[in-house]
């Protein structure tokens, strides 16, 4: 009997090994088909795929893996070790390539109803099945890698309006001017309402629109954005402005200890307080997990932290997420402001919409005010500091800009700028913010 039992255990082990191999082959087959579908989808949208498939797949696997951990843990604890059903179920849950395709069974109905994040999970799952390409474009960086003929921001996130040029070996210092044409002056530009009312002029002059979203005539009305009252009464005795950093570890070309975007935010806080505003600077770290850089969930963690601050300080009217951009190593974004070399800034808007329409599970009731806020600051920058502000960048997701009407995400230079250049950029930014919040909307 002992010999027969041993043979039975041996055969069972062989069967399990064969099953594991078959399941692995099935997963790889589905992976190949999924990537081919994704490639076709990208190519239909005119997106270059060189070097992107592997990174996109990695991000998607991580996204799905994070979503499935709770179910996998619950399953592993609830079934006996060595049970064939437990093993196959566990392996099926670990297969990321079809985890979005099957019906949800892991949570009982009662647990689903009590889990406040379950509906959000379902919504996000369906959304990312439909818009898989957004996983590749979830960050807010412009990713500029080239300089084009006229040295201007191009509508596709590169710079310029002409053909691609060979990139020089040494970093290129780029000063981006608003291509106003008529009415532009070295001392600054004040645009006429006739110019701003022209949708084509508006979009060409002030905006870069990423392929992950659209900004139609119904949304982009200069008149409406200028009519929006964003002024506040200064009161240094209570917090009015919140500054934070979703990506606190962003540093600069020569950054030493304590020279990250957080320290840049320290200086902006100091400047705004000197102007009479009450400011809270949240120096929390949202992009480190267990001591390792992890930006895939930084916006989720930042939302939790910032929401707690806003609940404790309901008088806060302005929320600023200060970043630095990521560009090609041969691009350096600078401007001359008051005799100093300063990093150029870029206002960024997440529109909560794809080319197919609004993202329903990422509502932003303050989208119009967000757009007005960045546009009024852009006009004031063109008037006071020509060449200081790059075009406003529009992308598809929300980026936590739904927290207040006066919410803004601001990119300060890039990794190729020095820390001093980024710090110098806070002086004109403080002037621009103060002007708009005082009711000077650039008109």
Protein backbone atom coordinates (compact mmCIF):
# COMPACT_ATOMS: atom_id res chain seq x y z
CA UNK A 1 0.00 0.00 0.00
CA UNK A 2 2.84 2.38 0.78
CA UNK A 3 4.32 1.82 -2.72
CA UNK A 4 0.97 2.48 -4.44
CA UNK A 5 0.47 5.63 -2.41
CA UNK A 6 3.90 6.84 -3.39
CA UNK A 7 3.19 6.22 -7.10
CA UNK A 8 -0.14 8.03 -6.76
CA UNK A 9 1.54 11.06 -5.22
CA UNK A 10 4.17 10.99 -7.99
CA UNK A 11 1.49 10.90 -10.71
CA UNK A 12 -0.40 13.72 -9.04
CA UNK A 13 2.76 15.81 -8.97
CA UNK A 14 3.32 15.15 -12.70
CA UNK A 15 -0.28 16.16 -13.48
CA UNK A 16 0.10 19.36 -11.49
CA UNK A 17 3.33 20.20 -13.33
CA UNK A 18 1.68 19.63 -16.71
CA UNK A 19 -1.28 21.78 -15.63
CA UNK A 20 1.06 24.56 -14.58
CA UNK A 21 2.82 24.48 -17.95
CA UNK A 22 -0.49 24.53 -19.84
CA UNK A 23 -1.77 27.48 -17.81
CA UNK A 24 1.49 29.36 -18.35
CA UNK A 25 1.29 28.74 -22.11
CA UNK A 26 -2.32 29.92 -22.13
CA UNK A 27 -1.32 33.10 -20.34
CA UNK A 28 1.49 33.79 -22.82
CA UNK A 29 -0.84 33.19 -25.74
CA UNK A 30 -3.38 35.63 -24.34
CA UNK A 31 -0.58 38.08 -23.58
CA UNK A 32 0.55 37.97 -27.22
CA UNK A 33 -2.98 38.54 -28.51
CA UNK A 34 -3.57 41.35 -26.05
CA UNK A 35 -0.35 43.13 -27.03
CA UNK A 36 -1.17 42.74 -30.72
CA UNK A 37 -4.57 44.33 -30.12
CA UNK A 38 -2.92 47.13 -28.15
CA UNK A 39 -0.38 47.67 -30.94
CA UNK A 40 -3.16 47.91 -33.52
CA UNK A 41 -5.07 50.35 -31.30
CA UNK A 42 -2.00 52.55 -30.87
CA UNK A 43 -1.14 52.48 -34.56
CA UNK A 44 -4.71 53.50 -35.42
CA UNK A 45 -4.18 56.56 -33.22
CA UNK A 46 -0.84 57.37 -34.86
CA UNK A 47 1.21 56.59 -31.74
CA UNK A 48 4.78 55.44 -32.33
CA UNK A 49 5.35 52.08 -30.72
CA UNK A 50 9.11 51.90 -30.72
CA UNK A 51 10.18 50.87 -27.21
CA UNK A 52 6.71 51.34 -25.74
CA UNK A 53 5.06 47.92 -25.74
CA UNK A 54 7.22 46.47 -23.01
CA UNK A 55 6.85 49.48 -20.70
CA UNK A 56 3.11 49.64 -21.27
CA UNK A 57 2.78 45.93 -20.56
CA UNK A 58 4.79 46.34 -17.37
CA UNK A 59 2.62 49.20 -16.16
CA UNK A 60 -0.56 47.28 -16.94
CA UNK A 61 0.67 44.15 -15.17
CA UNK A 62 1.52 46.27 -12.11
CA UNK A 63 -1.86 48.00 -12.26
CA UNK A 64 -3.76 44.72 -12.43
CA UNK A 65 -1.51 43.01 -9.90
CA UNK A 66 -2.16 45.73 -7.32
CA UNK A 67 -5.91 45.43 -7.91
CA UNK A 68 -5.86 41.65 -7.42
CA UNK A 69 -3.77 41.28 -4.30
CA UNK A 70 -6.69 41.40 -1.88
CA UNK A 71 -8.57 38.68 -3.73
CA UNK A 72 -5.49 36.49 -4.09
CA UNK A 73 -4.71 36.78 -0.37
CA UNK A 74 -8.27 35.97 0.61
CA UNK A 75 -8.31 32.92 -1.64
CA UNK A 76 -4.97 31.66 -0.38
CA UNK A 77 -6.13 31.89 3.25
CA UNK A 78 -9.51 30.29 2.66
CA UNK A 79 -8.47 27.00 1.00
CA UNK A 80 -6.32 24.08 2.05
CA UNK A 81 -2.75 23.74 0.82
CA UNK A 82 -2.26 21.04 -1.76
CA UNK A 83 -5.84 21.23 -3.00
CA UNK A 84 -5.87 21.14 -6.82
CA UNK A 85 -8.80 23.58 -6.92
CA UNK A 86 -6.90 26.00 -4.69
CA UNK A 87 -3.78 25.82 -6.86
CA UNK A 88 -5.55 26.30 -10.17
CA UNK A 89 -7.72 29.11 -8.79
CA UNK A 90 -4.67 30.80 -7.37
CA UNK A 91 -2.83 30.54 -10.69
CA UNK A 92 -5.86 31.83 -12.56
CA UNK A 93 -5.94 34.90 -10.33
CA UNK A 94 -2.22 35.46 -10.92
CA UNK A 95 -2.71 35.51 -14.68
CA UNK A 96 -2.84 39.29 -15.35
CA UNK A 97 -3.68 38.97 -19.02
CA UNK A 98 -7.24 37.83 -18.43
CA UNK A 99 -7.98 39.21 -14.96
CA UNK A 100 -10.05 42.02 -16.48
CA UNK A 101 -11.95 39.69 -18.80
CA UNK A 102 -13.66 37.37 -16.33
CA UNK A 103 -16.65 37.97 -14.12
CA UNK A 104 -15.89 39.12 -10.59
CA UNK A 105 -16.45 36.29 -8.08
CA UNK A 106 -13.92 36.89 -5.36
CA UNK A 107 -16.06 39.02 -3.07
CA UNK A 108 -19.44 37.98 -1.64
CA UNK A 109 -22.28 40.40 -2.32
CA UNK A 110 -22.33 41.67 1.25
CA UNK A 111 -18.61 42.39 1.17
CA UNK A 112 -18.90 44.11 -2.20
CA UNK A 113 -21.57 46.44 -0.85
CA UNK A 114 -19.52 47.26 2.26
CA UNK A 115 -16.35 47.94 0.30
CA UNK A 116 -16.43 51.64 -0.69
CA UNK A 117 -13.72 51.16 -3.31
CA UNK A 118 -15.43 48.28 -5.11
CA UNK A 119 -17.55 50.47 -7.40
CA UNK A 120 -14.50 52.56 -8.23
CA UNK A 121 -12.61 49.37 -9.05
CA UNK A 122 -15.34 48.22 -11.43
CA UNK A 123 -15.48 51.61 -13.10
CA UNK A 124 -11.71 51.86 -13.50
CA UNK A 125 -11.49 48.28 -14.76
CA UNK A 126 -14.00 48.91 -17.52
CA UNK A 127 -12.41 52.24 -18.31
CA UNK A 128 -8.92 50.83 -18.76
CA UNK A 129 -10.19 47.94 -20.86
CA UNK A 130 -11.68 50.57 -23.18
CA UNK A 131 -8.75 53.01 -23.00
CA UNK A 132 -5.66 50.89 -22.49
CA UNK A 133 -3.39 53.49 -24.08
CA UNK A 134 -3.91 55.83 -21.11
CA UNK A 135 -1.83 53.51 -18.95
CA UNK A 136 1.13 54.58 -21.07
CA UNK A 137 0.22 58.26 -20.71
CA UNK A 138 -0.86 58.42 -17.08
CA UNK A 139 1.87 60.80 -15.93
CA UNK A 140 1.84 64.55 -16.36
CA UNK A 141 5.30 65.00 -17.87
CA UNK A 142 5.48 66.51 -21.34
CA UNK A 143 8.30 64.19 -22.37
CA UNK A 144 9.85 66.71 -24.77
CA UNK A 145 12.73 65.01 -26.56
CA UNK A 146 13.40 67.21 -29.56
CA UNK A 147 13.74 70.75 -30.83
CA UNK A 148 11.94 71.65 -34.00
CA UNK A 149 12.51 74.34 -36.57
CA UNK A 150 11.09 77.43 -34.91
CA UNK A 151 12.01 76.65 -31.30
CA UNK A 152 8.40 76.84 -30.15
CA UNK A 153 6.20 74.39 -28.29
CA UNK A 154 4.52 72.11 -30.82
CA UNK A 155 0.98 70.89 -30.40
CA UNK A 156 2.12 67.30 -29.93
CA UNK A 157 4.22 67.94 -26.87
CA UNK A 158 7.45 68.43 -28.81
CA UNK A 159 8.83 71.85 -29.55
CA UNK A 160 8.40 73.68 -32.79
CA UNK A 161 6.22 73.71 -35.83
CA UNK A 162 8.63 72.51 -38.48
CA UNK A 163 10.38 69.24 -39.23
CA UNK A 164 12.60 67.37 -36.81
CA UNK A 165 16.21 68.49 -36.70
CA UNK A 166 19.31 66.56 -35.67
CA UNK A 167 19.79 67.02 -31.95
CA UNK A 168 23.09 68.53 -30.81
CA UNK A 169 25.25 66.66 -28.31
CA UNK A 170 25.32 69.47 -25.76
CA UNK A 171 22.22 70.65 -23.90
CA UNK A 172 20.33 73.37 -25.73
CA UNK A 173 19.00 76.31 -23.79
CA UNK A 174 15.51 76.99 -25.06
CA UNK A 175 13.52 80.13 -24.36
CA UNK A 176 9.92 79.64 -25.51
CA UNK A 177 8.07 82.78 -26.54
CA UNK A 178 4.35 82.98 -27.09
CA UNK A 179 3.96 82.99 -30.90
CA UNK A 180 1.59 85.91 -30.86
CA UNK A 181 2.60 87.44 -34.15
CA UNK A 182 0.51 90.60 -34.23
CA UNK A 183 0.77 92.61 -31.05
CA UNK A 184 3.83 90.85 -29.57
CA UNK A 185 6.35 93.07 -27.86
CA UNK A 186 9.65 92.44 -26.09
CA UNK A 187 8.29 93.94 -22.88
CA UNK A 188 5.34 91.56 -22.79
CA UNK A 189 2.15 90.85 -24.63
CA UNK A 190 -1.42 91.96 -23.97
CA UNK A 191 -3.81 90.15 -26.28
CA UNK A 192 -6.96 91.68 -27.72
CA UNK A 193 -10.31 90.04 -27.12
CA UNK A 194 -10.65 89.62 -30.88
CA UNK A 195 -7.51 87.48 -30.89
CA UNK A 196 -8.57 85.42 -27.88
CA UNK A 197 -12.07 84.84 -29.26
CA UNK A 198 -10.54 83.03 -32.25
CA UNK A 199 -10.51 79.36 -31.20
CA UNK A 200 -7.70 78.44 -33.60
CA UNK A 201 -5.53 81.33 -32.41
CA UNK A 202 -6.30 80.47 -28.78
CA UNK A 203 -5.30 76.82 -29.10
CA UNK A 204 -2.21 77.46 -31.24
CA UNK A 205 -0.92 80.25 -29.03
CA UNK A 206 -1.62 78.96 -25.53
CA UNK A 207 -2.09 75.19 -25.52
CA UNK A 208 -0.48 71.85 -26.27
CA UNK A 209 -3.16 69.14 -26.40
CA UNK A 210 -1.98 65.58 -25.85
CA UNK A 211 -3.42 62.73 -27.93
CA UNK A 212 -5.04 61.28 -24.80
CA UNK A 213 -7.70 64.02 -24.78
CA UNK A 214 -9.54 66.67 -26.79
CA UNK A 215 -10.42 70.29 -26.06
CA UNK A 216 -13.23 71.44 -28.30
CA UNK A 217 -14.79 74.81 -28.95
CA UNK A 218 -17.51 74.12 -26.40
CA UNK A 219 -14.89 73.79 -23.66
CA UNK A 220 -12.27 76.36 -24.60
CA UNK A 221 -13.88 79.79 -24.43
CA UNK A 222 -11.50 82.63 -23.63
CA UNK A 223 -14.41 84.93 -22.81
CA UNK A 224 -15.81 82.51 -20.24
CA UNK A 225 -12.38 81.88 -18.72
CA UNK A 226 -11.72 85.60 -18.37
CA UNK A 227 -15.13 86.26 -16.84
CA UNK A 228 -14.47 83.73 -14.07
CA UNK A 229 -13.77 85.57 -10.81
CA UNK A 230 -10.84 83.87 -9.06
CA UNK A 231 -9.97 86.67 -6.67
CA UNK A 232 -9.71 86.07 -2.92
CA UNK A 233 -9.29 88.33 0.09
CA UNK A 234 -5.82 88.03 1.59
CA UNK A 235 -5.77 86.82 5.19
CA UNK A 236 -2.47 85.69 6.67
CA UNK A 237 -4.23 84.61 9.87
CA UNK A 238 -5.85 81.56 8.24
CA UNK A 239 -4.67 79.07 5.61
CA UNK A 240 -5.80 80.07 2.13
CA UNK A 241 -3.28 78.34 -0.14
CA UNK A 242 -2.10 74.74 0.04
CA UNK A 243 1.14 73.75 -1.70
CA UNK A 244 2.03 70.07 -2.03
CA UNK A 245 4.02 67.70 -4.24
CA UNK A 246 2.63 64.44 -5.63
CA UNK A 247 6.20 63.66 -6.76
CA UNK A 248 8.32 64.88 -3.88
CA UNK A 249 11.51 63.13 -5.04
CA UNK A 250 11.82 65.11 -8.28
CA UNK A 251 15.25 66.75 -8.32
CA UNK A 252 17.43 68.79 -10.67
CA UNK A 253 20.68 68.41 -12.57
CA UNK A 254 22.91 69.57 -9.70
CA UNK A 255 20.66 68.79 -6.72
CA UNK A 256 22.43 68.07 -3.47
CA UNK A 257 20.88 67.02 -0.15
CA UNK A 258 17.57 68.77 0.49
CA UNK A 259 17.42 70.27 -3.00
CA UNK A 260 14.31 68.72 -4.53
CA UNK A 261 11.02 70.15 -5.72
CA UNK A 262 9.94 70.25 -2.05
CA UNK A 263 12.58 72.85 -1.25
CA UNK A 264 11.44 74.82 -4.29
CA UNK A 265 7.97 74.73 -2.70
CA UNK A 266 9.47 76.05 0.54
CA UNK A 267 10.64 79.16 -1.30
CA UNK A 268 7.27 79.68 -3.00
CA UNK A 269 5.59 79.38 0.40
CA UNK A 270 7.91 82.04 1.81
CA UNK A 271 7.23 84.41 -1.09
CA UNK A 272 3.44 84.06 -0.91
CA UNK A 273 3.40 84.52 2.86
CA UNK A 274 5.40 87.73 2.39
CA UNK A 275 2.59 88.93 0.11
CA UNK A 276 -0.01 88.46 2.87
CA UNK A 277 -1.46 85.03 2.04
CA UNK A 278 -1.94 82.27 4.58
CA UNK A 279 -0.08 79.24 3.23
CA UNK A 280 0.26 75.59 4.24
CA UNK A 281 3.13 73.69 2.66
CA UNK A 282 2.55 69.95 2.76
CA UNK A 283 6.01 68.36 2.59
CA UNK A 284 4.65 64.82 2.77
CA UNK A 285 6.20 62.09 0.61
CA UNK A 286 3.65 60.44 -1.68
CA UNK A 287 5.95 58.76 -4.21
CA UNK A 288 8.01 56.47 -1.99
CA UNK A 289 6.73 53.04 -0.91
CA UNK A 290 8.89 51.09 1.56
CA UNK A 291 11.76 53.38 0.72
CA UNK A 292 11.53 52.77 -3.04
CA UNK A 293 10.42 55.27 -5.68
CA UNK A 294 6.89 54.38 -6.85
CA UNK A 295 5.02 57.01 -8.83
CA UNK A 296 2.33 54.64 -10.11
CA UNK A 297 0.18 55.32 -7.05
CA UNK A 298 1.49 58.73 -6.00
CA UNK A 299 -1.67 60.57 -7.07
CA UNK A 300 -3.81 58.15 -5.05
CA UNK A 301 -1.70 58.64 -1.93
CA UNK A 302 -1.57 62.40 -2.48
CA UNK A 303 -5.36 62.56 -2.81
CA UNK A 304 -5.75 60.87 0.57
CA UNK A 305 -3.24 63.15 2.27
CA UNK A 306 -4.43 66.40 0.72
CA UNK A 307 -8.09 65.54 1.39
CA UNK A 308 -7.30 65.18 5.10
CA UNK A 309 -5.60 68.59 5.10
CA UNK A 310 -8.57 70.22 3.35
CA UNK A 311 -11.03 68.64 5.80
CA UNK A 312 -9.07 70.15 8.69
CA UNK A 313 -8.68 73.50 6.91
CA UNK A 314 -11.89 74.24 5.00
CA UNK A 315 -10.84 77.86 4.42
CA UNK A 316 -8.22 76.78 1.88
CA UNK A 317 -9.21 78.19 -1.51
CA UNK A 318 -6.14 77.48 -3.65
CA UNK A 319 -4.43 74.09 -4.16
CA UNK A 320 -1.09 73.94 -6.00
CA UNK A 321 0.69 70.70 -6.91
CA UNK A 322 4.26 71.73 -7.75
CA UNK A 323 6.32 69.40 -9.99
CA UNK A 324 9.24 69.51 -12.31
CA UNK A 325 8.91 68.20 -15.87
CA UNK A 326 10.77 65.39 -17.60
CA UNK A 327 12.32 66.17 -20.99
CA UNK A 328 15.05 64.88 -23.28
CA UNK A 329 18.52 65.26 -21.82
CA UNK A 330 19.49 67.67 -24.62
CA UNK A 331 16.72 70.17 -23.78
CA UNK A 332 17.12 72.85 -21.13
CA UNK A 333 14.21 75.19 -20.47
CA UNK A 334 15.26 78.61 -19.18
CA UNK A 335 14.22 82.24 -19.31
CA UNK A 336 15.69 85.53 -18.14
CA UNK A 337 13.64 87.18 -15.40
CA UNK A 338 14.80 90.33 -13.62
CA UNK A 339 18.42 89.62 -14.47
CA UNK A 340 18.30 86.02 -13.26
CA UNK A 341 18.25 82.76 -15.18
CA UNK A 342 15.04 81.00 -14.20
CA UNK A 343 13.55 77.67 -15.19
CA UNK A 344 10.51 78.02 -17.39
CA UNK A 345 7.22 76.88 -15.90
CA UNK A 346 4.30 75.07 -17.48
CA UNK A 347 0.70 75.09 -16.29
CA UNK A 348 -0.95 71.71 -16.68
CA UNK A 349 -4.65 70.79 -16.91
CA UNK A 350 -6.13 67.30 -16.69
CA UNK A 351 -9.46 67.34 -18.52
CA UNK A 352 -10.99 64.07 -17.24
CA UNK A 353 -11.86 63.10 -20.78
CA UNK A 354 -10.57 61.03 -23.67
CA UNK A 355 -11.22 61.64 -27.37
CA UNK A 356 -14.32 59.46 -26.90
CA UNK A 357 -15.80 61.69 -24.18
CA UNK A 358 -15.77 62.38 -20.42
CA UNK A 359 -14.26 59.86 -18.00
CA UNK A 360 -17.34 59.27 -15.88
CA UNK A 361 -15.58 57.78 -12.86
CA UNK A 362 -13.17 60.76 -12.66
CA UNK A 363 -15.58 63.69 -12.37
CA UNK A 364 -14.23 67.20 -11.91
CA UNK A 365 -16.94 69.69 -10.98
CA UNK A 366 -14.35 72.48 -11.10
CA UNK A 367 -12.95 71.85 -14.57
CA UNK A 368 -14.10 75.21 -15.95
CA UNK A 369 -12.57 77.07 -13.01
CA UNK A 370 -9.34 75.05 -13.33
CA UNK A 371 -9.06 76.05 -16.98
CA UNK A 372 -9.80 79.68 -16.15
CA UNK A 373 -7.17 79.67 -13.40
CA UNK A 374 -4.35 78.40 -15.62
CA UNK A 375 -5.41 80.62 -18.53
CA UNK A 376 -5.51 83.79 -16.46
CA UNK A 377 -2.06 82.98 -15.04
CA UNK A 378 -0.77 82.27 -18.56
CA UNK A 379 -1.98 85.67 -19.79
CA UNK A 380 -0.43 87.42 -16.82
CA UNK A 381 2.86 85.61 -17.45
CA UNK A 382 2.82 86.71 -21.11
CA UNK A 383 2.22 90.28 -20.00
CA UNK A 384 4.81 90.45 -17.22
CA UNK A 385 7.44 87.85 -18.11
CA UNK A 386 7.51 86.97 -21.82
CA UNK A 387 9.23 83.65 -22.44
CA UNK A 388 8.78 82.49 -18.84
CA UNK A 389 5.70 80.26 -19.28
CA UNK A 390 5.55 77.43 -21.79
CA UNK A 391 2.22 76.56 -23.37
CA UNK A 392 -0.43 75.08 -21.09
CA UNK A 393 -0.39 71.31 -21.40
CA UNK A 394 -3.71 69.42 -21.65
CA UNK A 395 -3.96 65.70 -20.89
CA UNK A 396 -6.75 63.18 -20.40
CA UNK A 397 -6.80 62.19 -16.71
CA UNK A 398 -7.75 64.25 -13.67
CA UNK A 399 -4.56 64.56 -11.58
CA UNK A 400 -6.43 65.56 -8.40
CA UNK A 401 -7.42 68.95 -9.83
CA UNK A 402 -11.01 68.44 -8.65
CA UNK A 403 -10.30 69.42 -5.05
CA UNK A 404 -10.87 73.16 -5.36
CA UNK A 405 -11.92 75.58 -8.14
CA UNK A 406 -8.48 77.22 -7.94
CA UNK A 407 -6.48 74.02 -8.37
CA UNK A 408 -3.37 73.98 -10.52
CA UNK A 409 -0.56 71.61 -11.38
CA UNK A 410 2.60 73.54 -12.22
CA UNK A 411 5.76 72.10 -13.77
CA UNK A 412 8.91 74.01 -12.78
CA UNK A 413 11.65 73.43 -15.32
CA UNK A 414 12.86 69.87 -15.85
CA UNK A 415 15.55 67.47 -14.70
CA UNK A 416 18.06 69.32 -16.91
CA UNK A 417 17.63 72.62 -15.01
CA UNK A 418 19.69 73.52 -11.97
CA UNK A 419 18.19 73.81 -8.52
CA UNK A 420 18.94 77.56 -8.49
CA UNK A 421 17.08 78.04 -11.79
CA UNK A 422 14.04 76.26 -10.34
CA UNK A 423 14.22 78.34 -7.18
CA UNK A 424 14.53 81.57 -9.19
CA UNK A 425 11.37 80.61 -11.09
CA UNK A 426 9.34 80.95 -7.90
CA UNK A 427 9.74 84.72 -7.79
CA UNK A 428 7.80 85.48 -11.01
CA UNK A 429 5.35 82.66 -10.18
CA UNK A 430 4.54 84.30 -6.84
CA UNK A 431 3.91 87.61 -8.64
CA UNK A 432 1.63 85.94 -11.19
CA UNK A 433 -0.34 84.06 -8.54
CA UNK A 434 -0.75 87.19 -6.45
CA UNK A 435 -1.95 89.19 -9.46
CA UNK A 436 -4.61 86.66 -10.44
CA UNK A 437 -5.78 86.13 -6.87
CA UNK A 438 -6.00 89.90 -6.48
CA UNK A 439 -8.38 89.96 -9.46
CA UNK A 440 -5.96 90.92 -12.25
CA UNK A 441 -6.89 88.31 -14.84
CA UNK A 442 -4.54 89.35 -17.60
CA UNK A 443 -7.03 91.65 -19.37
